[in-house]
């Protein structure tokens, strides 16, 4: 029986590279890493940047961009369901764009805002993310945003580099640069093949040696489950009285519960 996987473009950037096991557990088993909060300052900066560029011509983003305007900002998009012939499984892409622009020549572009200089080795990671958005827009699910052709992909990097005095306090001065990303669906298709082959495995792959989450899970998961044992059976005496069960039966059920929690957290 075939499976259908929901793929999030944001996971293509770093989670895929950080740990194939964590990626597999999230997508195939819906077991996620503990969430970490996004600092409010970055959310605020992102919102300010999008508001600033919303009504501006794209040539003000960078002189190398064709003339156009912002089509929409944060918006959920979703692709149709694709059949993956190699594995026999299916997938679709769902995510939220940063900014989509429409150029005067009739084509579209997808722009991701960044607030720090992009390391060369990270460009490829962001490329996969933007290609996923492009595919979702050009081959959408019925009723979802449909834009075609998407010909421009890139990162707009706005990086603070100095401060100056202002009558109401101070101002940050920012440098702005454009990092174009070459559109290459053949390369992206190869990435999809690798990803679907991984997700189609019957068991989770080995953890990355550098994955701190997996190291924590490996060394702390049994203790975590044992600590929650009392939450599962808060009062053994009451349970024995109400259910007419023996101490041995309760202990056996508790051991099964712990093992089940361990298996779930390890992706078995």
Protein backbone atom coordinates (compact mmCIF):
# COMPACT_ATOMS: atom_id res chain seq x y z
CA UNK A 1 0.00 0.00 0.00
CA UNK A 2 1.44 3.35 -1.04
CA UNK A 3 2.05 6.22 1.38
CA UNK A 4 1.60 9.94 0.83
CA UNK A 5 4.14 12.26 2.44
CA UNK A 6 3.58 15.94 3.20
CA UNK A 7 6.83 17.81 2.56
CA UNK A 8 7.66 21.17 4.10
CA UNK A 9 10.11 23.31 2.06
CA UNK A 10 11.61 24.77 5.24
CA UNK A 11 12.86 21.29 6.18
CA UNK A 12 14.78 21.07 2.91
CA UNK A 13 17.15 23.84 4.01
CA UNK A 14 18.71 22.53 7.22
CA UNK A 15 16.92 19.53 8.76
CA UNK A 16 17.75 17.35 5.75
CA UNK A 17 21.44 18.18 6.07
CA UNK A 18 21.59 18.12 9.85
CA UNK A 19 20.19 14.63 10.41
CA UNK A 20 18.49 12.19 8.03
CA UNK A 21 17.04 10.32 11.01
CA UNK A 22 15.34 13.41 12.43
CA UNK A 23 14.03 14.25 8.96
CA UNK A 24 12.63 10.73 8.54
CA UNK A 25 11.01 10.72 11.98
CA UNK A 26 9.32 14.08 11.39
CA UNK A 27 7.96 13.39 7.90
CA UNK A 28 7.34 9.62 7.97
CA UNK A 29 6.39 9.14 11.64
CA UNK A 30 5.26 12.64 12.72
CA UNK A 31 7.78 12.59 15.58
CA UNK A 32 9.21 16.09 15.81
CA UNK A 33 12.16 17.57 17.56
CA UNK A 34 11.25 19.69 20.59
CA UNK A 35 10.25 23.12 19.30
CA UNK A 36 12.50 26.09 19.95
CA UNK A 37 11.00 29.60 20.10
CA UNK A 38 11.91 32.20 17.47
CA UNK A 39 13.28 35.34 19.16
CA UNK A 40 10.75 38.15 18.84
CA UNK A 41 13.34 40.54 17.42
CA UNK A 42 13.78 38.43 14.28
CA UNK A 43 10.03 38.16 13.76
CA UNK A 44 9.80 41.96 14.06
CA UNK A 45 12.65 42.57 11.62
CA UNK A 46 11.14 40.17 9.09
CA UNK A 47 7.77 41.93 9.31
CA UNK A 48 9.36 45.39 8.91
CA UNK A 49 11.30 44.29 5.82
CA UNK A 50 8.25 42.85 4.12
CA UNK A 51 6.18 45.96 4.85
CA UNK A 52 8.99 48.16 3.51
CA UNK A 53 9.31 46.33 0.19
CA UNK A 54 5.62 45.55 -0.34
CA UNK A 55 4.78 48.57 -2.54
CA UNK A 56 8.20 49.12 -4.07
CA UNK A 57 9.37 48.29 -7.56
CA UNK A 58 11.54 45.18 -7.71
CA UNK A 59 14.41 47.21 -9.18
CA UNK A 60 14.70 48.85 -5.74
CA UNK A 61 15.40 45.38 -4.34
CA UNK A 62 18.39 45.11 -6.65
CA UNK A 63 19.33 46.65 -9.98
CA UNK A 64 19.76 43.21 -11.61
CA UNK A 65 16.11 42.26 -11.04
CA UNK A 66 13.55 42.82 -13.81
CA UNK A 67 10.97 45.54 -13.23
CA UNK A 68 7.90 44.39 -11.33
CA UNK A 69 6.06 44.47 -8.01
CA UNK A 70 5.21 42.25 -5.05
CA UNK A 71 2.36 39.85 -5.83
CA UNK A 72 1.92 38.62 -2.24
CA UNK A 73 3.89 38.04 0.95
CA UNK A 74 3.31 35.35 3.57
CA UNK A 75 0.88 32.89 2.04
CA UNK A 76 0.32 29.17 2.33
CA UNK A 77 0.78 27.33 -0.94
CA UNK A 78 0.38 23.67 -1.80
CA UNK A 79 1.28 21.48 -4.74
CA UNK A 80 -0.79 18.73 -6.26
CA UNK A 81 -0.03 15.16 -5.19
CA UNK A 82 2.81 13.64 -7.21
CA UNK A 83 3.39 9.94 -7.85
CA UNK A 84 6.96 8.81 -7.24
CA UNK A 85 7.52 5.92 -9.62
CA UNK A 86 10.76 4.67 -8.07
CA UNK A 87 9.26 4.00 -4.62
CA UNK A 88 5.57 3.67 -5.51
CA UNK A 89 4.72 6.30 -2.91
CA UNK A 90 3.32 9.83 -3.27
CA UNK A 91 4.13 13.29 -1.98
CA UNK A 92 2.93 16.87 -1.99
CA UNK A 93 4.57 20.13 -0.95
CA UNK A 94 3.00 22.56 1.50
CA UNK A 95 4.60 25.67 2.93
CA UNK A 96 4.46 29.42 3.43
CA UNK A 97 6.30 31.74 1.05
CA UNK A 98 8.28 34.80 2.07
CA UNK A 99 7.62 37.06 -0.93
CA UNK A 100 6.42 36.33 -4.47
CA UNK A 101 6.87 39.03 -7.11
CA UNK A 102 5.33 39.52 -10.55
CA UNK A 103 7.58 41.04 -13.20
CA UNK A 104 6.38 43.24 -16.03
CA UNK A 105 7.56 40.62 -18.54
CA UNK A 106 4.84 38.23 -17.27
CA UNK A 107 7.10 35.93 -15.25
CA UNK A 108 7.25 35.49 -11.47
CA UNK A 109 9.96 35.34 -8.85
CA UNK A 110 10.29 33.90 -5.36
CA UNK A 111 12.37 35.89 -2.88
CA UNK A 112 13.44 34.86 0.61
CA UNK A 113 14.52 37.61 3.02
CA UNK A 114 17.59 37.01 5.17
CA UNK A 115 19.10 39.17 7.92
CA UNK A 116 22.66 37.86 7.87
CA UNK A 117 25.29 37.15 5.27
CA UNK A 118 24.76 33.84 3.50
CA UNK A 119 27.56 31.33 3.69
CA UNK A 120 28.36 29.83 0.26
CA UNK A 121 27.72 26.31 1.55
CA UNK A 122 24.18 27.31 2.59
CA UNK A 123 23.09 28.60 -0.82
CA UNK A 124 22.41 25.05 -2.00
CA UNK A 125 20.20 24.40 1.05
CA UNK A 126 18.08 27.48 0.39
CA UNK A 127 17.97 26.57 -3.30
CA UNK A 128 16.06 23.37 -2.50
CA UNK A 129 13.57 25.36 -0.43
CA UNK A 130 12.89 27.92 -3.18
CA UNK A 131 12.63 25.21 -5.85
CA UNK A 132 9.96 23.53 -3.73
CA UNK A 133 7.94 26.77 -3.57
CA UNK A 134 8.33 27.16 -7.33
CA UNK A 135 7.04 23.65 -7.98
CA UNK A 136 4.05 24.21 -5.67
CA UNK A 137 3.11 27.44 -7.49
CA UNK A 138 3.51 26.03 -10.99
CA UNK A 139 1.76 22.71 -10.24
CA UNK A 140 -0.68 23.56 -7.43
CA UNK A 141 -3.47 21.65 -5.76
CA UNK A 142 -6.91 22.66 -6.98
CA UNK A 143 -7.93 25.96 -5.38
CA UNK A 144 -4.41 26.89 -4.30
CA UNK A 145 -2.33 29.79 -5.74
CA UNK A 146 -1.26 29.14 -9.33
CA UNK A 147 1.51 31.24 -10.86
CA UNK A 148 3.49 30.41 -13.97
CA UNK A 149 6.21 30.71 -15.15
CA UNK A 150 8.44 31.13 -12.10
CA UNK A 151 11.80 32.10 -13.58
CA UNK A 152 13.57 33.96 -10.78
CA UNK A 153 14.71 32.58 -7.43
CA UNK A 154 16.92 34.33 -4.93
CA UNK A 155 17.79 35.58 -1.47
CA UNK A 156 17.59 39.26 -0.50
CA UNK A 157 20.06 39.80 2.32
CA UNK A 158 19.51 42.88 4.49
CA UNK A 159 22.29 43.04 7.05
CA UNK A 160 22.74 45.75 9.72
CA UNK A 161 26.30 47.10 9.73
CA UNK A 162 26.23 50.37 11.70
CA UNK A 163 24.13 52.71 13.87
CA UNK A 164 23.54 56.45 13.75
CA UNK A 165 21.86 59.04 15.97
CA UNK A 166 18.26 60.04 15.41
CA UNK A 167 16.00 62.60 17.08
CA UNK A 168 13.97 59.77 18.62
CA UNK A 169 16.88 57.52 19.47
CA UNK A 170 19.07 55.76 16.92
CA UNK A 171 18.85 54.08 13.52
CA UNK A 172 20.39 50.94 12.12
CA UNK A 173 22.09 51.31 8.75
CA UNK A 174 21.84 48.22 6.59
CA UNK A 175 23.66 46.86 3.58
CA UNK A 176 21.56 45.02 1.01
CA UNK A 177 22.67 42.33 -1.43
CA UNK A 178 21.01 39.97 -3.88
CA UNK A 179 21.96 36.28 -4.05
CA UNK A 180 20.46 34.80 -7.24
CA UNK A 181 19.75 31.09 -7.37
CA UNK A 182 19.86 29.30 -10.70
CA UNK A 183 16.70 27.35 -11.41
CA UNK A 184 17.57 23.70 -12.05
CA UNK A 185 14.63 21.30 -11.88
CA UNK A 186 16.82 18.32 -12.88
CA UNK A 187 18.97 18.80 -9.81
CA UNK A 188 15.89 19.33 -7.65
CA UNK A 189 14.33 16.14 -9.05
CA UNK A 190 17.46 14.22 -8.03
CA UNK A 191 17.08 15.61 -4.51
CA UNK A 192 13.41 14.53 -4.43
CA UNK A 193 14.45 11.01 -5.50
CA UNK A 194 16.98 10.78 -2.66
CA UNK A 195 14.45 12.10 -0.17
CA UNK A 196 11.63 9.77 -1.22
CA UNK A 197 13.97 6.78 -1.11
CA UNK A 198 14.83 7.68 2.47
CA UNK A 199 11.20 8.23 3.52
CA UNK A 200 10.20 4.89 1.99
CA UNK A 201 12.48 2.93 4.32
CA UNK A 202 10.72 0.61 6.78
CA UNK A 203 12.85 1.81 9.68
CA UNK A 204 14.48 5.11 10.57
CA UNK A 205 18.07 5.48 9.31
CA UNK A 206 21.04 5.95 11.61
CA UNK A 207 21.45 9.30 13.30
CA UNK A 208 24.02 11.82 12.22
CA UNK A 209 27.10 11.77 14.44
CA UNK A 210 26.70 15.52 15.01
CA UNK A 211 22.97 15.48 15.82
CA UNK A 212 22.59 16.63 19.42
CA UNK A 213 18.88 15.78 19.45
CA UNK A 214 19.57 12.15 18.62
CA UNK A 215 22.34 11.99 21.22
CA UNK A 216 19.89 13.27 23.83
CA UNK A 217 17.25 10.78 22.73
CA UNK A 218 19.70 7.88 22.83
CA UNK A 219 20.92 8.60 26.34
CA UNK A 220 17.84 10.15 27.91
CA UNK A 221 14.80 8.49 26.40
CA UNK A 222 14.61 5.52 28.81
CA UNK A 223 14.90 7.78 31.84
CA UNK A 224 12.25 10.07 30.34
CA UNK A 225 9.82 7.19 29.93
CA UNK A 226 10.51 5.88 33.43
CA UNK A 227 9.92 9.35 34.90
CA UNK A 228 6.48 9.34 33.24
CA UNK A 229 5.66 5.88 34.62
CA UNK A 230 3.92 7.37 37.66
CA UNK A 231 1.87 9.64 35.41
CA UNK A 232 0.56 6.51 33.72
CA UNK A 233 -0.12 4.67 37.00
CA UNK A 234 -0.44 7.43 39.66
CA UNK A 235 -1.67 5.16 42.46
CA UNK A 236 -1.01 1.43 42.25
CA UNK A 237 -2.99 0.57 45.40
CA UNK A 238 -6.15 2.28 44.09
CA UNK A 239 -5.73 0.64 40.72
CA UNK A 240 -5.33 -2.83 42.24
CA UNK A 241 -8.44 -2.33 44.36
CA UNK A 242 -10.60 -0.97 41.53
CA UNK A 243 -9.49 -3.38 38.80
CA UNK A 244 -8.77 -6.46 40.94
CA UNK A 245 -5.33 -6.91 39.38
CA UNK A 246 -2.10 -8.13 40.91
CA UNK A 247 1.12 -6.24 41.51
CA UNK A 248 2.81 -8.41 38.87
CA UNK A 249 0.21 -7.48 36.26
CA UNK A 250 0.65 -3.77 36.96
CA UNK A 251 4.44 -4.04 36.72
CA UNK A 252 4.17 -5.91 33.42
CA UNK A 253 1.82 -3.27 32.01
CA UNK A 254 4.15 -0.51 33.22
CA UNK A 255 7.15 -2.19 31.55
CA UNK A 256 5.18 -2.45 28.31
CA UNK A 257 4.26 1.22 28.55
CA UNK A 258 7.90 2.26 29.03
CA UNK A 259 9.06 0.13 26.11
CA UNK A 260 6.29 1.58 23.92
CA UNK A 261 7.36 5.13 24.77
CA UNK A 262 10.99 4.28 24.01
CA UNK A 263 10.03 2.75 20.64
CA UNK A 264 7.91 5.78 19.72
CA UNK A 265 10.64 8.28 20.56
CA UNK A 266 13.25 6.24 18.67
CA UNK A 267 11.03 5.92 15.62
CA UNK A 268 10.41 2.18 15.75
